[in-house]
Amino acid sequence: MKVRMSVLTALVFPALLFAGEDYALRETFESDQPAWEPYGSGCETRVVKDDGLKKNVLVARFDNSSPKEWCNKGAYWKCKPPLSWDQFDYCYFKFKISRSVGKVGCLVHDKAGHWWQCVQFEPFKLNEWQRWLGKKMNFTFAWNDDPAVTRGDKSSEIIELFIFAQTPEVNTGAIYDLTLSDVILSHDVSE
């Protein structure tokens, strides 16, 4: 049974599967050298075995140092080759966070310099696996590399995908672990 789901619905249903093999991206971190890199200064990423899931996961460890009033850090993936917005309708991943954060989200950067975001706000359970599900239509224009550009459309190819957590405070020396599993871009979600 195929279902179009919201983030709230994804949290209510304990098991989500993606129909077929129609993935624009399916990252399970089984490679010891995934294509994901640290996002944000002072961030490090590493692949580790998760005993509970019994498989590899990606851990992004970072502090909340920032020259701004906010701090977004996590991991990102350079899309090689670039992705089309037509290749997926959903962005999904499992995550757990070691300290309280204000939001967990996804940023998409395209060839036109547009940045698109979709976020889920707290409350999050600490050190427990949770599901994040964003619909393509819920990715909103955030900014452009050129400050004179104040809006965009989803016609340009995607070159980078970022998964991040926003810390509630900055420059306190707090250390965070954002752990990721099963990052998927796909057309269909089924129960």
C-alpha atoms as a PDB file:
ATOM      1  CA  MET A   1       0.000   0.000   0.000  1.00  0.00           C
ATOM      2  CA  LYS A   2       1.652   3.243  -1.126  1.00  0.00           C
ATOM      3  CA  VAL A   3       1.183   6.213   1.160  1.00  0.00           C
ATOM      4  CA  ARG A   4       2.033   9.900   0.927  1.00  0.00           C
ATOM      5  CA  MET A   5       3.270  10.780   4.401  1.00  0.00           C
ATOM      6  CA  SER A   6       4.084  13.844   6.488  1.00  0.00           C
ATOM      7  CA  VAL A   7       6.876  14.069   9.060  1.00  0.00           C
ATOM      8  CA  LEU A   8       4.329  13.616  11.859  1.00  0.00           C
ATOM      9  CA  THR A   9       2.896  10.512  10.192  1.00  0.00           C
ATOM     10  CA  ALA A  10       6.407   9.091   9.834  1.00  0.00           C
ATOM     11  CA  LEU A  11       6.906   9.403  13.566  1.00  0.00           C
ATOM     12  CA  VAL A  12       3.630   7.615  14.324  1.00  0.00           C
ATOM     13  CA  PHE A  13       4.163   4.596  12.045  1.00  0.00           C
ATOM     14  CA  PRO A  14       7.034   2.471  13.379  1.00  0.00           C
ATOM     15  CA  ALA A  15       8.010   0.812  10.090  1.00  0.00           C
ATOM     16  CA  LEU A  16       8.499   2.528   6.749  1.00  0.00           C
ATOM     17  CA  LEU A  17       9.723   0.808   3.625  1.00  0.00           C
ATOM     18  CA  PHE A  18      10.465   2.312   0.270  1.00  0.00           C
ATOM     19  CA  ALA A  19       8.673   0.665  -2.606  1.00  0.00           C
ATOM     20  CA  GLY A  20      10.695  -0.945  -5.345  1.00  0.00           C
ATOM     21  CA  GLU A  21      14.270  -0.063  -6.104  1.00  0.00           C
ATOM     22  CA  ASP A  22      13.554   3.417  -7.483  1.00  0.00           C
ATOM     23  CA  TYR A  23      16.064   5.372  -5.407  1.00  0.00           C
ATOM     24  CA  ALA A  24      17.771   8.595  -6.365  1.00  0.00           C
ATOM     25  CA  LEU A  25      19.959   7.953  -3.299  1.00  0.00           C
ATOM     26  CA  ARG A  26      20.176   5.043  -0.893  1.00  0.00           C
ATOM     27  CA  GLU A  27      23.008   5.360   1.610  1.00  0.00           C
ATOM     28  CA  THR A  28      23.338   2.596   4.179  1.00  0.00           C
ATOM     29  CA  PHE A  29      26.950   3.447   5.163  1.00  0.00           C
ATOM     30  CA  GLU A  30      28.077  -0.113   4.493  1.00  0.00           C
ATOM     31  CA  SER A  31      31.177   1.231   2.790  1.00  0.00           C
ATOM     32  CA  ASP A  32      33.917   2.214   5.225  1.00  0.00           C
ATOM     33  CA  GLN A  33      34.500   5.267   3.017  1.00  0.00           C
ATOM     34  CA  PRO A  34      31.073   6.806   2.367  1.00  0.00           C
ATOM     35  CA  ALA A  35      30.840   9.920   0.234  1.00  0.00           C
ATOM     36  CA  TRP A  36      29.590  11.964   3.189  1.00  0.00           C
ATOM     37  CA  GLU A  37      31.768  14.745   4.592  1.00  0.00           C
ATOM     38  CA  PRO A  38      31.607  16.928   7.733  1.00  0.00           C
ATOM     39  CA  TYR A  39      29.368  19.998   7.524  1.00  0.00           C
ATOM     40  CA  GLY A  40      30.457  22.894   9.728  1.00  0.00           C
ATOM     41  CA  SER A  41      33.697  23.911  11.390  1.00  0.00           C
ATOM     42  CA  GLY A  42      34.852  21.620  14.146  1.00  0.00           C
ATOM     43  CA  CYS A  43      32.781  18.714  12.785  1.00  0.00           C
ATOM     44  CA  GLU A  44      34.155  15.222  12.146  1.00  0.00           C
ATOM     45  CA  THR A  45      32.409  12.250  10.538  1.00  0.00           C
ATOM     46  CA  ARG A  46      33.127   8.556  10.892  1.00  0.00           C
ATOM     47  CA  VAL A  47      31.439   5.256  10.096  1.00  0.00           C
ATOM     48  CA  VAL A  48      30.849   2.966  13.085  1.00  0.00           C
ATOM     49  CA  LYS A  49      28.915  -0.240  13.737  1.00  0.00           C
ATOM     50  CA  ASP A  50      25.682   0.363  15.670  1.00  0.00           C
ATOM     51  CA  ASP A  51      25.023  -2.572  18.002  1.00  0.00           C
ATOM     52  CA  GLY A  52      21.268  -1.913  18.215  1.00  0.00           C
ATOM     53  CA  LEU A  53      20.707  -1.677  14.449  1.00  0.00           C
ATOM     54  CA  LYS A  54      23.400  -4.279  13.762  1.00  0.00           C
ATOM     55  CA  LYS A  55      24.774  -2.265  10.853  1.00  0.00           C
ATOM     56  CA  ASN A  56      27.012   0.670   9.996  1.00  0.00           C
ATOM     57  CA  VAL A  57      25.948   4.248  10.693  1.00  0.00           C
ATOM     58  CA  LEU A  58      27.535   7.650  10.163  1.00  0.00           C
ATOM     59  CA  VAL A  59      28.372   9.738  13.238  1.00  0.00           C
ATOM     60  CA  ALA A  60      28.861  13.492  12.846  1.00  0.00           C
ATOM     61  CA  ARG A  61      30.508  14.808  16.033  1.00  0.00           C
ATOM     62  CA  PHE A  62      30.653  18.580  16.464  1.00  0.00           C
ATOM     63  CA  ASP A  63      30.779  21.394  18.972  1.00  0.00           C
ATOM     64  CA  ASN A  64      28.520  24.443  19.015  1.00  0.00           C
ATOM     65  CA  SER A  65      31.198  26.989  18.168  1.00  0.00           C
ATOM     66  CA  SER A  66      29.882  29.629  15.776  1.00  0.00           C
ATOM     67  CA  PRO A  67      30.565  33.244  14.838  1.00  0.00           C
ATOM     68  CA  LYS A  68      26.793  33.695  14.411  1.00  0.00           C
ATOM     69  CA  GLU A  69      23.814  33.469  16.795  1.00  0.00           C
ATOM     70  CA  TRP A  70      22.984  30.005  15.447  1.00  0.00           C
ATOM     71  CA  CYS A  71      24.887  26.802  14.719  1.00  0.00           C
ATOM     72  CA  ASN A  72      23.957  24.188  12.094  1.00  0.00           C
ATOM     73  CA  LYS A  73      26.331  21.245  11.735  1.00  0.00           C
ATOM     74  CA  GLY A  74      26.205  17.666  10.503  1.00  0.00           C
ATOM     75  CA  ALA A  75      27.180  15.904   7.264  1.00  0.00           C
ATOM     76  CA  TYR A  76      26.853  16.490   3.538  1.00  0.00           C
ATOM     77  CA  TRP A  77      27.008  14.530   0.315  1.00  0.00           C
ATOM     78  CA  LYS A  78      28.211  15.838  -3.049  1.00  0.00           C
ATOM     79  CA  CYS A  79      25.868  14.499  -5.715  1.00  0.00           C
ATOM     80  CA  LYS A  80      27.959  12.844  -8.423  1.00  0.00           C
ATOM     81  CA  PRO A  81      26.296  12.905 -10.855  1.00  0.00           C
ATOM     82  CA  PRO A  82      23.905  15.738  -9.936  1.00  0.00           C
ATOM     83  CA  LEU A  83      20.303  14.786  -9.149  1.00  0.00           C
ATOM     84  CA  SER A  84      17.128  16.089 -10.709  1.00  0.00           C
ATOM     85  CA  TRP A  85      14.218  17.133  -8.495  1.00  0.00           C
ATOM     86  CA  ASP A  86      12.159  14.747 -10.665  1.00  0.00           C
ATOM     87  CA  GLN A  87      14.092  11.734  -9.317  1.00  0.00           C
ATOM     88  CA  PHE A  88      12.416  11.749  -5.873  1.00  0.00           C
ATOM     89  CA  ASP A  89       9.381  12.858  -3.868  1.00  0.00           C
ATOM     90  CA  TYR A  90      10.664  12.034  -0.364  1.00  0.00           C
ATOM     91  CA  CYS A  91      13.814  12.490   1.660  1.00  0.00           C
ATOM     92  CA  TYR A  92      14.080  10.041   4.546  1.00  0.00           C
ATOM     93  CA  PHE A  93      16.657   9.128   7.161  1.00  0.00           C
ATOM     94  CA  LYS A  94      16.959   7.660  10.625  1.00  0.00           C
ATOM     95  CA  PHE A  95      18.808   9.701  13.213  1.00  0.00           C
ATOM     96  CA  LYS A  96      19.655   9.948  16.854  1.00  0.00           C
ATOM     97  CA  ILE A  97      21.071  12.918  18.717  1.00  0.00           C
ATOM     98  CA  SER A  98      23.144  12.937  21.897  1.00  0.00           C
ATOM     99  CA  ARG A  99      22.080  16.360  23.256  1.00  0.00           C
ATOM    100  CA  SER A 100      19.001  18.531  22.958  1.00  0.00           C
ATOM    101  CA  VAL A 101      18.734  20.447  19.665  1.00  0.00           C
ATOM    102  CA  GLY A 102      16.156  22.871  18.280  1.00  0.00           C
ATOM    103  CA  LYS A 103      15.718  21.215  14.900  1.00  0.00           C
ATOM    104  CA  VAL A 104      17.013  18.527  12.591  1.00  0.00           C
ATOM    105  CA  GLY A 105      16.822  19.231   8.917  1.00  0.00           C
ATOM    106  CA  CYS A 106      17.934  18.790   5.377  1.00  0.00           C
ATOM    107  CA  LEU A 107      19.421  21.429   3.070  1.00  0.00           C
ATOM    108  CA  VAL A 108      19.632  21.002  -0.695  1.00  0.00           C
ATOM    109  CA  HIS A 109      21.987  23.111  -2.841  1.00  0.00           C
ATOM    110  CA  ASP A 110      21.406  23.281  -6.601  1.00  0.00           C
ATOM    111  CA  LYS A 111      23.423  24.391  -9.633  1.00  0.00           C
ATOM    112  CA  ALA A 112      21.554  27.731  -9.764  1.00  0.00           C
ATOM    113  CA  GLY A 113      22.932  28.559  -6.307  1.00  0.00           C
ATOM    114  CA  HIS A 114      19.562  28.039  -4.602  1.00  0.00           C
ATOM    115  CA  TRP A 115      19.453  26.560  -1.113  1.00  0.00           C
ATOM    116  CA  TRP A 116      16.279  24.675  -0.126  1.00  0.00           C
ATOM    117  CA  GLN A 117      15.452  23.522   3.389  1.00  0.00           C
ATOM    118  CA  CYS A 118      13.051  21.214   5.163  1.00  0.00           C
ATOM    119  CA  VAL A 119      13.204  20.900   8.957  1.00  0.00           C
ATOM    120  CA  GLN A 120      11.632  19.023  11.832  1.00  0.00           C
ATOM    121  CA  PHE A 121      11.445  20.810  15.181  1.00  0.00           C
ATOM    122  CA  GLU A 122      11.907  19.410  18.681  1.00  0.00           C
ATOM    123  CA  PRO A 123      11.018  17.534  20.832  1.00  0.00           C
ATOM    124  CA  PHE A 124      13.494  14.799  20.023  1.00  0.00           C
ATOM    125  CA  LYS A 125      14.293  11.820  22.190  1.00  0.00           C
ATOM    126  CA  LEU A 126      17.935  11.756  23.194  1.00  0.00           C
ATOM    127  CA  ASN A 127      20.057   8.776  22.122  1.00  0.00           C
ATOM    128  CA  GLU A 128      17.080   6.990  20.500  1.00  0.00           C
ATOM    129  CA  TRP A 129      16.543   6.231  16.820  1.00  0.00           C
ATOM    130  CA  GLN A 130      13.902   8.434  15.213  1.00  0.00           C
ATOM    131  CA  ARG A 131      12.652   8.844  11.658  1.00  0.00           C
ATOM    132  CA  TRP A 132      12.851  12.022   9.612  1.00  0.00           C
ATOM    133  CA  LEU A 133      10.691  12.271   6.489  1.00  0.00           C
ATOM    134  CA  GLY A 134      10.373  15.332   4.294  1.00  0.00           C
ATOM    135  CA  LYS A 135       8.306  15.705   1.153  1.00  0.00           C
ATOM    136  CA  LYS A 136       9.953  17.347  -1.830  1.00  0.00           C
ATOM    137  CA  MET A 137       7.123  19.880  -1.934  1.00  0.00           C
ATOM    138  CA  ASN A 138       7.943  20.942   1.658  1.00  0.00           C
ATOM    139  CA  PHE A 139      11.503  21.996   0.788  1.00  0.00           C
ATOM    140  CA  THR A 140      11.264  25.790   0.853  1.00  0.00           C
ATOM    141  CA  PHE A 141      13.598  28.349  -0.690  1.00  0.00           C
ATOM    142  CA  ALA A 142      16.049  29.544   1.987  1.00  0.00           C
ATOM    143  CA  TRP A 143      18.592  31.706   0.110  1.00  0.00           C
ATOM    144  CA  ASN A 144      20.790  31.906  -2.975  1.00  0.00           C
ATOM    145  CA  ASP A 145      24.574  32.122  -3.282  1.00  0.00           C
ATOM    146  CA  ASP A 146      23.894  35.534  -4.877  1.00  0.00           C
ATOM    147  CA  PRO A 147      22.169  37.678  -2.194  1.00  0.00           C
ATOM    148  CA  ALA A 148      20.350  39.621  -4.937  1.00  0.00           C
ATOM    149  CA  VAL A 149      18.372  36.451  -5.811  1.00  0.00           C
ATOM    150  CA  THR A 150      15.463  36.183  -3.390  1.00  0.00           C
ATOM    151  CA  ARG A 151      13.486  33.270  -4.828  1.00  0.00           C
ATOM    152  CA  GLY A 152      13.910  30.278  -7.056  1.00  0.00           C
ATOM    153  CA  ASP A 153      12.295  27.241  -8.578  1.00  0.00           C
ATOM    154  CA  LYS A 154      13.179  23.574  -8.439  1.00  0.00           C
ATOM    155  CA  SER A 155      14.367  23.287 -12.031  1.00  0.00           C
ATOM    156  CA  SER A 156      18.122  23.200 -11.486  1.00  0.00           C
ATOM    157  CA  GLU A 157      20.047  19.992 -10.730  1.00  0.00           C
ATOM    158  CA  ILE A 158      20.958  19.236  -7.110  1.00  0.00           C
ATOM    159  CA  ILE A 159      24.685  19.214  -6.385  1.00  0.00           C
ATOM    160  CA  GLU A 160      24.781  18.823  -2.577  1.00  0.00           C
ATOM    161  CA  LEU A 161      22.597  17.384   0.189  1.00  0.00           C
ATOM    162  CA  PHE A 162      23.153  18.389   3.841  1.00  0.00           C
ATOM    163  CA  ILE A 163      21.710  16.795   6.994  1.00  0.00           C
ATOM    164  CA  PHE A 164      22.135  18.935  10.087  1.00  0.00           C
ATOM    165  CA  ALA A 165      21.134  19.668  13.652  1.00  0.00           C
ATOM    166  CA  GLN A 166      20.765  23.188  15.018  1.00  0.00           C
ATOM    167  CA  THR A 167      22.128  23.657  18.516  1.00  0.00           C
ATOM    168  CA  PRO A 168      20.019  25.657  21.014  1.00  0.00           C
ATOM    169  CA  GLU A 169      23.047  27.707  22.120  1.00  0.00           C
ATOM    170  CA  VAL A 170      26.390  28.639  20.642  1.00  0.00           C
ATOM    171  CA  ASN A 171      29.948  28.795  21.969  1.00  0.00           C
ATOM    172  CA  THR A 172      29.362  26.910  25.230  1.00  0.00           C
ATOM    173  CA  GLY A 173      31.782  24.084  24.419  1.00  0.00           C
ATOM    174  CA  ALA A 174      29.002  21.461  24.234  1.00  0.00           C
ATOM    175  CA  ILE A 175      29.750  18.394  22.072  1.00  0.00           C
ATOM    176  CA  TYR A 176      27.026  16.752  19.973  1.00  0.00           C
ATOM    177  CA  ASP A 177      26.749  13.459  18.094  1.00  0.00           C
ATOM    178  CA  LEU A 178      24.277  13.359  15.208  1.00  0.00           C
ATOM    179  CA  THR A 179      24.111   9.723  14.080  1.00  0.00           C
ATOM    180  CA  LEU A 180      22.567   8.849  10.704  1.00  0.00           C
ATOM    181  CA  SER A 181      21.306   5.642   9.131  1.00  0.00           C
ATOM    182  CA  ASP A 182      19.450   4.779   5.909  1.00  0.00           C
ATOM    183  CA  VAL A 183      19.494   8.088   4.021  1.00  0.00           C
ATOM    184  CA  ILE A 184      17.084   7.678   1.111  1.00  0.00           C
ATOM    185  CA  LEU A 185      15.698   9.828  -1.688  1.00  0.00           C
ATOM    186  CA  SER A 186      12.835   7.990  -3.373  1.00  0.00           C
ATOM    187  CA  HIS A 187       9.464   8.416  -5.104  1.00  0.00           C
ATOM    188  CA  ASP A 188       7.349   6.108  -2.954  1.00  0.00           C
ATOM    189  CA  VAL A 189       6.911   5.281   0.693  1.00  0.00           C
ATOM    190  CA  SER A 190       4.933   2.246   1.758  1.00  0.00           C
ATOM    191  CA  GLU A 191       3.974   0.787   5.134  1.00  0.00           C
END
